[in-house]
Amino acid sequence: AWSAGSVLHMVRILLGLEPDVPDGRLYLDPALPAWCTRLEIRRLKLGRHEVRLTVERRSNGQHEIDADTDGLELVRGVPPWLELAAD
């Protein structure tokens, strides 16, 4: 069972995907490697929402996001609970 879940975990890491369904937000901070220039997810269920995401890695390393988030606010970047405190 752990091997099936590892693929989903890898996709979550590549997209920097952090859902915050109670607050109506979906955080994305993609980091696709050069060998993976496009990643598409369809019909991802997050609570009562159904999400479609397409992330493309440009040759300059920047990422373009096309998404239908079904009422969730799409936020680019790291969610507050994952930010490192600057001391």
PDB file of N, CA and C in Angstrom:
ATOM      1  N   ALA A   1       0.821  -1.197   0.000  1.00  0.00           N
ATOM      2  CA  ALA A   1       0.000   0.000   0.000  1.00  0.00           C
ATOM      3  C   ALA A   1       0.867   1.264   0.000  1.00  0.00           C
ATOM      4  N   TRP A   2       2.033   1.216   0.650  1.00  0.00           N
ATOM      5  CA  TRP A   2       2.856   2.428   0.703  1.00  0.00           C
ATOM      6  C   TRP A   2       3.348   2.828  -0.676  1.00  0.00           C
ATOM      7  N   SER A   3       3.601   1.853  -1.569  1.00  0.00           N
ATOM      8  CA  SER A   3       4.130   2.183  -2.893  1.00  0.00           C
ATOM      9  C   SER A   3       3.088   2.915  -3.744  1.00  0.00           C
ATOM     10  N   ALA A   4       1.817   2.595  -3.596  1.00  0.00           N
ATOM     11  CA  ALA A   4       0.773   3.289  -4.336  1.00  0.00           C
ATOM     12  C   ALA A   4       0.676   4.740  -3.879  1.00  0.00           C
ATOM     13  N   GLY A   5       0.808   4.988  -2.605  1.00  0.00           N
ATOM     14  CA  GLY A   5       0.734   6.333  -2.064  1.00  0.00           C
ATOM     15  C   GLY A   5       1.953   7.181  -2.386  1.00  0.00           C
ATOM     16  N   SER A   6       3.076   6.545  -2.667  1.00  0.00           N
ATOM     17  CA  SER A   6       4.292   7.301  -2.928  1.00  0.00           C
ATOM     18  C   SER A   6       4.196   8.111  -4.220  1.00  0.00           C
ATOM     19  N   VAL A   7       3.487   7.613  -5.217  1.00  0.00           N
ATOM     20  CA  VAL A   7       3.302   8.356  -6.470  1.00  0.00           C
ATOM     21  C   VAL A   7       2.509   9.637  -6.197  1.00  0.00           C
ATOM     22  N   LEU A   8       1.451   9.538  -5.428  1.00  0.00           N
ATOM     23  CA  LEU A   8       0.649  10.710  -5.099  1.00  0.00           C
ATOM     24  C   LEU A   8       1.459  11.720  -4.290  1.00  0.00           C
ATOM     25  N   HIS A   9       2.283  11.230  -3.399  1.00  0.00           N
ATOM     26  CA  HIS A   9       3.130  12.122  -2.605  1.00  0.00           C
ATOM     27  C   HIS A   9       4.147  12.839  -3.497  1.00  0.00           C
ATOM     28  N   MET A  10       4.705  12.138  -4.475  1.00  0.00           N
ATOM     29  CA  MET A  10       5.654  12.746  -5.395  1.00  0.00           C
ATOM     30  C   MET A  10       4.983  13.855  -6.207  1.00  0.00           C
ATOM     31  N   VAL A  11       3.790  13.620  -6.690  1.00  0.00           N
ATOM     32  CA  VAL A  11       3.053  14.632  -7.456  1.00  0.00           C
ATOM     33  C   VAL A  11       2.778  15.849  -6.583  1.00  0.00           C
ATOM     34  N   ARG A  12       2.398  15.618  -5.353  1.00  0.00           N
ATOM     35  CA  ARG A  12       2.137  16.719  -4.417  1.00  0.00           C
ATOM     36  C   ARG A  12       3.396  17.564  -4.200  1.00  0.00           C
ATOM     37  N   ILE A  13       4.542  16.909  -4.076  1.00  0.00           N
ATOM     38  CA  ILE A  13       5.804  17.629  -3.890  1.00  0.00           C
ATOM     39  C   ILE A  13       6.185  18.400  -5.151  1.00  0.00           C
ATOM     40  N   LEU A  14       6.061  17.785  -6.330  1.00  0.00           N
ATOM     41  CA  LEU A  14       6.404  18.465  -7.579  1.00  0.00           C
ATOM     42  C   LEU A  14       5.563  19.714  -7.805  1.00  0.00           C
ATOM     43  N   LEU A  15       4.296  19.668  -7.393  1.00  0.00           N
ATOM     44  CA  LEU A  15       3.414  20.817  -7.569  1.00  0.00           C
ATOM     45  C   LEU A  15       3.450  21.777  -6.392  1.00  0.00           C
ATOM     46  N   GLY A  16       4.046  21.370  -5.289  1.00  0.00           N
ATOM     47  CA  GLY A  16       3.974  22.198  -4.090  1.00  0.00           C
ATOM     48  C   GLY A  16       2.524  22.371  -3.678  1.00  0.00           C
ATOM     49  N   LEU A  17       1.757  21.310  -3.798  1.00  0.00           N
ATOM     50  CA  LEU A  17       0.305  21.327  -3.585  1.00  0.00           C
ATOM     51  C   LEU A  17      -0.030  21.196  -2.108  1.00  0.00           C
ATOM     52  N   GLU A  18      -0.684  22.222  -1.569  1.00  0.00           N
ATOM     53  CA  GLU A  18      -1.138  22.217  -0.174  1.00  0.00           C
ATOM     54  C   GLU A  18      -2.575  22.730  -0.124  1.00  0.00           C
ATOM     55  N   PRO A  19      -3.543  21.840   0.020  1.00  0.00           N
ATOM     56  CA  PRO A  19      -4.928  22.293   0.109  1.00  0.00           C
ATOM     57  C   PRO A  19      -5.264  22.817   1.502  1.00  0.00           C
ATOM     58  N   ASP A  20      -6.075  23.851   1.534  1.00  0.00           N
ATOM     59  CA  ASP A  20      -6.622  24.401   2.774  1.00  0.00           C
ATOM     60  C   ASP A  20      -8.123  24.563   2.532  1.00  0.00           C
ATOM     61  N   VAL A  21      -8.819  23.446   2.460  1.00  0.00           N
ATOM     62  CA  VAL A  21     -10.235  23.428   2.108  1.00  0.00           C
ATOM     63  C   VAL A  21     -11.100  24.194   3.105  1.00  0.00           C
ATOM     64  N   PRO A  22     -10.876  24.067   4.431  1.00  0.00           N
ATOM     65  CA  PRO A  22     -11.725  24.832   5.361  1.00  0.00           C
ATOM     66  C   PRO A  22     -11.685  26.352   5.113  1.00  0.00           C
ATOM     67  N   ASP A  23     -10.529  26.877   4.683  1.00  0.00           N
ATOM     68  CA  ASP A  23     -10.416  28.307   4.396  1.00  0.00           C
ATOM     69  C   ASP A  23     -10.615  28.625   2.916  1.00  0.00           C
ATOM     70  N   GLY A  24     -10.924  27.605   2.102  1.00  0.00           N
ATOM     71  CA  GLY A  24     -11.226  27.823   0.691  1.00  0.00           C
ATOM     72  C   GLY A  24     -10.037  28.189  -0.170  1.00  0.00           C
ATOM     73  N   ARG A  25      -8.856  27.654   0.166  1.00  0.00           N
ATOM     74  CA  ARG A  25      -7.648  27.978  -0.586  1.00  0.00           C
ATOM     75  C   ARG A  25      -6.922  26.719  -1.053  1.00  0.00           C
ATOM     76  N   LEU A  26      -6.234  26.872  -2.168  1.00  0.00           N
ATOM     77  CA  LEU A  26      -5.364  25.824  -2.694  1.00  0.00           C
ATOM     78  C   LEU A  26      -4.031  26.481  -3.017  1.00  0.00           C
ATOM     79  N   TYR A  27      -2.987  26.085  -2.291  1.00  0.00           N
ATOM     80  CA  TYR A  27      -1.652  26.652  -2.477  1.00  0.00           C
ATOM     81  C   TYR A  27      -0.874  25.802  -3.472  1.00  0.00           C
ATOM     82  N   LEU A  28      -0.201  26.479  -4.412  1.00  0.00           N
ATOM     83  CA  LEU A  28       0.653  25.808  -5.389  1.00  0.00           C
ATOM     84  C   LEU A  28       1.992  26.532  -5.454  1.00  0.00           C
ATOM     85  N   ASP A  29       3.055  25.771  -5.351  1.00  0.00           N
ATOM     86  CA  ASP A  29       4.415  26.286  -5.485  1.00  0.00           C
ATOM     87  C   ASP A  29       5.206  25.265  -6.304  1.00  0.00           C
ATOM     88  N   PRO A  30       4.918  25.192  -7.626  1.00  0.00           N
ATOM     89  CA  PRO A  30       5.495  24.116  -8.436  1.00  0.00           C
ATOM     90  C   PRO A  30       7.010  24.205  -8.583  1.00  0.00           C
ATOM     91  N   ALA A  31       7.613  23.029  -8.686  1.00  0.00           N
ATOM     92  CA  ALA A  31       9.053  22.894  -8.910  1.00  0.00           C
ATOM     93  C   ALA A  31       9.284  21.670  -9.788  1.00  0.00           C
ATOM     94  N   LEU A  32       8.817  21.761 -11.037  1.00  0.00           N
ATOM     95  CA  LEU A  32       8.997  20.634 -11.953  1.00  0.00           C
ATOM     96  C   LEU A  32      10.444  20.571 -12.422  1.00  0.00           C
ATOM     97  N   PRO A  33      11.027  19.377 -12.435  1.00  0.00           N
ATOM     98  CA  PRO A  33      12.401  19.235 -12.937  1.00  0.00           C
ATOM     99  C   PRO A  33      12.429  19.332 -14.463  1.00  0.00           C
ATOM    100  N   ALA A  34      13.601  19.485 -15.018  1.00  0.00           N
ATOM    101  CA  ALA A  34      13.752  19.648 -16.473  1.00  0.00           C
ATOM    102  C   ALA A  34      13.175  18.470 -17.259  1.00  0.00           C
ATOM    103  N   TRP A  35      13.197  17.279 -16.690  1.00  0.00           N
ATOM    104  CA  TRP A  35      12.687  16.096 -17.399  1.00  0.00           C
ATOM    105  C   TRP A  35      11.159  15.993 -17.347  1.00  0.00           C
ATOM    106  N   CYS A  36      10.512  16.845 -16.587  1.00  0.00           N
ATOM    107  CA  CYS A  36       9.044  16.828 -16.477  1.00  0.00           C
ATOM    108  C   CYS A  36       8.545  18.232 -16.791  1.00  0.00           C
ATOM    109  N   THR A  37       8.284  18.508 -18.064  1.00  0.00           N
ATOM    110  CA  THR A  37       7.923  19.864 -18.471  1.00  0.00           C
ATOM    111  C   THR A  37       6.433  20.163 -18.342  1.00  0.00           C
ATOM    112  N   ARG A  38       5.631  19.138 -18.137  1.00  0.00           N
ATOM    113  CA  ARG A  38       4.177  19.346 -18.026  1.00  0.00           C
ATOM    114  C   ARG A  38       3.590  18.299 -17.096  1.00  0.00           C
ATOM    115  N   LEU A  39       2.714  18.756 -16.204  1.00  0.00           N
ATOM    116  CA  LEU A  39       2.020  17.857 -15.291  1.00  0.00           C
ATOM    117  C   LEU A  39       0.565  18.295 -15.234  1.00  0.00           C
ATOM    118  N   GLU A  40      -0.328  17.377 -15.515  1.00  0.00           N
ATOM    119  CA  GLU A  40      -1.760  17.685 -15.544  1.00  0.00           C
ATOM    120  C   GLU A  40      -2.512  16.731 -14.620  1.00  0.00           C
ATOM    121  N   ILE A  41      -3.407  17.296 -13.845  1.00  0.00           N
ATOM    122  CA  ILE A  41      -4.274  16.513 -12.964  1.00  0.00           C
ATOM    123  C   ILE A  41      -5.710  16.901 -13.267  1.00  0.00           C
ATOM    124  N   ARG A  42      -6.543  15.913 -13.456  1.00  0.00           N
ATOM    125  CA  ARG A  42      -7.974  16.153 -13.707  1.00  0.00           C
ATOM    126  C   ARG A  42      -8.793  15.460 -12.634  1.00  0.00           C
ATOM    127  N   ARG A  43      -9.887  16.089 -12.286  1.00  0.00           N
ATOM    128  CA  ARG A  43     -10.885  15.515 -11.376  1.00  0.00           C
ATOM    129  C   ARG A  43     -10.321  15.177  -9.995  1.00  0.00           C
ATOM    130  N   LEU A  44      -9.433  16.034  -9.495  1.00  0.00           N
ATOM    131  CA  LEU A  44      -8.889  15.872  -8.152  1.00  0.00           C
ATOM    132  C   LEU A  44      -9.954  16.324  -7.153  1.00  0.00           C
ATOM    133  N   LYS A  45     -10.354  15.447  -6.280  1.00  0.00           N
ATOM    134  CA  LYS A  45     -11.383  15.756  -5.284  1.00  0.00           C
ATOM    135  C   LYS A  45     -10.738  16.322  -4.031  1.00  0.00           C
ATOM    136  N   LEU A  46     -11.149  17.529  -3.658  1.00  0.00           N
ATOM    137  CA  LEU A  46     -10.708  18.169  -2.425  1.00  0.00           C
ATOM    138  C   LEU A  46     -11.966  18.609  -1.678  1.00  0.00           C
ATOM    139  N   GLY A  47     -12.390  17.813  -0.723  1.00  0.00           N
ATOM    140  CA  GLY A  47     -13.659  18.083  -0.060  1.00  0.00           C
ATOM    141  C   GLY A  47     -14.780  17.961  -1.063  1.00  0.00           C
ATOM    142  N   ARG A  48     -15.613  18.974  -1.155  1.00  0.00           N
ATOM    143  CA  ARG A  48     -16.715  18.953  -2.125  1.00  0.00           C
ATOM    144  C   ARG A  48     -16.309  19.565  -3.466  1.00  0.00           C
ATOM    145  N   HIS A  49     -15.053  19.951  -3.605  1.00  0.00           N
ATOM    146  CA  HIS A  49     -14.544  20.604  -4.812  1.00  0.00           C
ATOM    147  C   HIS A  49     -13.886  19.584  -5.741  1.00  0.00           C
ATOM    148  N   GLU A  50     -13.966  19.872  -7.044  1.00  0.00           N
ATOM    149  CA  GLU A  50     -13.261  19.072  -8.040  1.00  0.00           C
ATOM    150  C   GLU A  50     -12.325  20.008  -8.797  1.00  0.00           C
ATOM    151  N   VAL A  51     -11.044  19.683  -8.810  1.00  0.00           N
ATOM    152  CA  VAL A  51     -10.003  20.579  -9.321  1.00  0.00           C
ATOM    153  C   VAL A  51      -9.333  19.977 -10.545  1.00  0.00           C
ATOM    154  N   ARG A  52      -8.997  20.869 -11.494  1.00  0.00           N
ATOM    155  CA  ARG A  52      -8.177  20.499 -12.642  1.00  0.00           C
ATOM    156  C   ARG A  52      -6.974  21.423 -12.652  1.00  0.00           C
ATOM    157  N   LEU A  53      -5.781  20.859 -12.751  1.00  0.00           N
ATOM    158  CA  LEU A  53      -4.538  21.635 -12.745  1.00  0.00           C
ATOM    159  C   LEU A  53      -3.652  21.221 -13.912  1.00  0.00           C
ATOM    160  N   THR A  54      -3.086  22.203 -14.577  1.00  0.00           N
ATOM    161  CA  THR A  54      -2.049  21.957 -15.574  1.00  0.00           C
ATOM    162  C   THR A  54      -0.902  22.899 -15.261  1.00  0.00           C
ATOM    163  N   VAL A  55       0.278  22.333 -15.057  1.00  0.00           N
ATOM    164  CA  VAL A  55       1.471  23.128 -14.777  1.00  0.00           C
ATOM    165  C   VAL A  55       2.492  22.810 -15.860  1.00  0.00           C
ATOM    166  N   GLU A  56       3.040  23.881 -16.468  1.00  0.00           N
ATOM    167  CA  GLU A  56       4.064  23.717 -17.490  1.00  0.00           C
ATOM    168  C   GLU A  56       5.334  24.432 -17.063  1.00  0.00           C
ATOM    169  N   ARG A  57       6.443  23.741 -17.225  1.00  0.00           N
ATOM    170  CA  ARG A  57       7.755  24.311 -16.913  1.00  0.00           C
ATOM    171  C   ARG A  57       8.335  24.891 -18.193  1.00  0.00           C
ATOM    172  N   ARG A  58       8.634  26.174 -18.172  1.00  0.00           N
ATOM    173  CA  ARG A  58       9.243  26.842 -19.323  1.00  0.00           C
ATOM    174  C   ARG A  58      10.742  26.560 -19.356  1.00  0.00           C
ATOM    175  N   SER A  59      11.359  26.859 -20.478  1.00  0.00           N
ATOM    176  CA  SER A  59      12.801  26.610 -20.621  1.00  0.00           C
ATOM    177  C   SER A  59      13.632  27.459 -19.652  1.00  0.00           C
ATOM    178  N   ASN A  60      13.069  28.587 -19.186  1.00  0.00           N
ATOM    179  CA  ASN A  60      13.798  29.441 -18.239  1.00  0.00           C
ATOM    180  C   ASN A  60      13.570  29.021 -16.783  1.00  0.00           C
ATOM    181  N   GLY A  61      12.833  27.925 -16.569  1.00  0.00           N
ATOM    182  CA  GLY A  61      12.596  27.415 -15.223  1.00  0.00           C
ATOM    183  C   GLY A  61      11.346  27.959 -14.558  1.00  0.00           C
ATOM    184  N   GLN A  62      10.699  28.945 -15.175  1.00  0.00           N
ATOM    185  CA  GLN A  62       9.451  29.484 -14.634  1.00  0.00           C
ATOM    186  C   GLN A  62       8.306  28.513 -14.916  1.00  0.00           C
ATOM    187  N   HIS A  63       7.267  28.588 -14.087  1.00  0.00           N
ATOM    188  CA  HIS A  63       6.128  27.692 -14.234  1.00  0.00           C
ATOM    189  C   HIS A  63       4.859  28.468 -14.559  1.00  0.00           C
ATOM    190  N   GLU A  64       4.114  27.939 -15.517  1.00  0.00           N
ATOM    191  CA  GLU A  64       2.823  28.512 -15.888  1.00  0.00           C
ATOM    192  C   GLU A  64       1.736  27.573 -15.371  1.00  0.00           C
ATOM    193  N   ILE A  65       0.714  28.143 -14.735  1.00  0.00           N
ATOM    194  CA  ILE A  65      -0.367  27.344 -14.151  1.00  0.00           C
ATOM    195  C   ILE A  65      -1.675  27.688 -14.844  1.00  0.00           C
ATOM    196  N   ASP A  66      -2.377  26.657 -15.262  1.00  0.00           N
ATOM    197  CA  ASP A  66      -3.743  26.793 -15.762  1.00  0.00           C
ATOM    198  C   ASP A  66      -4.597  25.911 -14.864  1.00  0.00           C
ATOM    199  N   ALA A  67      -5.632  26.488 -14.259  1.00  0.00           N
ATOM    200  CA  ALA A  67      -6.385  25.724 -13.269  1.00  0.00           C
ATOM    201  C   ALA A  67      -7.863  26.088 -13.279  1.00  0.00           C
ATOM    202  N   ASP A  68      -8.663  25.094 -12.964  1.00  0.00           N
ATOM    203  CA  ASP A  68     -10.079  25.282 -12.652  1.00  0.00           C
ATOM    204  C   ASP A  68     -10.230  24.729 -11.242  1.00  0.00           C
ATOM    205  N   THR A  69     -10.409  25.624 -10.276  1.00  0.00           N
ATOM    206  CA  THR A  69     -10.359  25.222  -8.869  1.00  0.00           C
ATOM    207  C   THR A  69     -11.732  25.112  -8.214  1.00  0.00           C
ATOM    208  N   ASP A  70     -12.807  25.226  -8.983  1.00  0.00           N
ATOM    209  CA  ASP A  70     -14.166  24.955  -8.485  1.00  0.00           C
ATOM    210  C   ASP A  70     -14.478  25.683  -7.177  1.00  0.00           C
ATOM    211  N   GLY A  71     -14.218  26.992  -7.149  1.00  0.00           N
ATOM    212  CA  GLY A  71     -14.566  27.778  -5.969  1.00  0.00           C
ATOM    213  C   GLY A  71     -13.468  27.938  -4.942  1.00  0.00           C
ATOM    214  N   LEU A  72     -12.372  27.214  -5.069  1.00  0.00           N
ATOM    215  CA  LEU A  72     -11.230  27.411  -4.172  1.00  0.00           C
ATOM    216  C   LEU A  72     -10.352  28.533  -4.722  1.00  0.00           C
ATOM    217  N   GLU A  73      -9.819  29.360  -3.855  1.00  0.00           N
ATOM    218  CA  GLU A  73      -8.899  30.409  -4.272  1.00  0.00           C
ATOM    219  C   GLU A  73      -7.527  29.787  -4.509  1.00  0.00           C
ATOM    220  N   LEU A  74      -6.972  30.002  -5.694  1.00  0.00           N
ATOM    221  CA  LEU A  74      -5.641  29.499  -6.014  1.00  0.00           C
ATOM    222  C   LEU A  74      -4.606  30.522  -5.561  1.00  0.00           C
ATOM    223  N   VAL A  75      -3.693  30.092  -4.693  1.00  0.00           N
ATOM    224  CA  VAL A  75      -2.653  30.966  -4.159  1.00  0.00           C
ATOM    225  C   VAL A  75      -1.308  30.396  -4.588  1.00  0.00           C
ATOM    226  N   ARG A  76      -0.512  31.216  -5.295  1.00  0.00           N
ATOM    227  CA  ARG A  76       0.834  30.775  -5.674  1.00  0.00           C
ATOM    228  C   ARG A  76       1.782  31.028  -4.536  1.00  0.00           C
ATOM    229  N   GLY A  77       2.500  30.000  -4.159  1.00  0.00           N
ATOM    230  CA  GLY A  77       3.471  30.127  -3.088  1.00  0.00           C
ATOM    231  C   GLY A  77       3.220  29.132  -1.981  1.00  0.00           C
ATOM    232  N   VAL A  78       3.993  29.280  -0.940  1.00  0.00           N
ATOM    233  CA  VAL A  78       3.971  28.371   0.201  1.00  0.00           C
ATOM    234  C   VAL A  78       2.921  28.859   1.205  1.00  0.00           C
ATOM    235  N   PRO A  79       2.133  27.949   1.758  1.00  0.00           N
ATOM    236  CA  PRO A  79       1.164  28.373   2.772  1.00  0.00           C
ATOM    237  C   PRO A  79       1.860  28.851   4.038  1.00  0.00           C
ATOM    238  N   PRO A  80       1.183  29.683   4.817  1.00  0.00           N
ATOM    239  CA  PRO A  80       1.810  30.253   6.014  1.00  0.00           C
ATOM    240  C   PRO A  80       2.360  29.210   6.985  1.00  0.00           C
ATOM    241  N   TRP A  81       1.709  28.071   7.107  1.00  0.00           N
ATOM    242  CA  TRP A  81       2.162  27.073   8.077  1.00  0.00           C
ATOM    243  C   TRP A  81       3.429  26.339   7.640  1.00  0.00           C
ATOM    244  N   LEU A  82       3.870  26.552   6.398  1.00  0.00           N
ATOM    245  CA  LEU A  82       5.118  25.932   5.935  1.00  0.00           C
ATOM    246  C   LEU A  82       6.261  26.923   5.770  1.00  0.00           C
ATOM    247  N   GLU A  83       5.982  28.197   5.951  1.00  0.00           N
ATOM    248  CA  GLU A  83       7.036  29.195   5.810  1.00  0.00           C
ATOM    249  C   GLU A  83       8.006  29.078   6.978  1.00  0.00           C
ATOM    250  N   LEU A  84       9.272  29.222   6.674  1.00  0.00           N
ATOM    251  CA  LEU A  84      10.301  29.190   7.712  1.00  0.00           C
ATOM    252  C   LEU A  84      10.368  30.561   8.373  1.00  0.00           C
ATOM    253  N   ALA A  85      10.445  30.548   9.667  1.00  0.00           N
ATOM    254  CA  ALA A  85      10.541  31.798  10.420  1.00  0.00           C
ATOM    255  C   ALA A  85      11.897  32.444  10.161  1.00  0.00           C
ATOM    256  N   ALA A  86      11.873  33.718   9.850  1.00  0.00           N
ATOM    257  CA  ALA A  86      13.124  34.452   9.628  1.00  0.00           C
ATOM    258  C   ALA A  86      13.571  35.062  10.950  1.00  0.00           C
ATOM    259  N   ASP A  87      14.676  34.566  11.460  1.00  0.00           N
ATOM    260  CA  ASP A  87      15.190  35.082  12.734  1.00  0.00           C
ATOM    261  C   ASP A  87      16.360  35.995  12.515  1.00  0.00           C
TER     262      ASP A  87
END
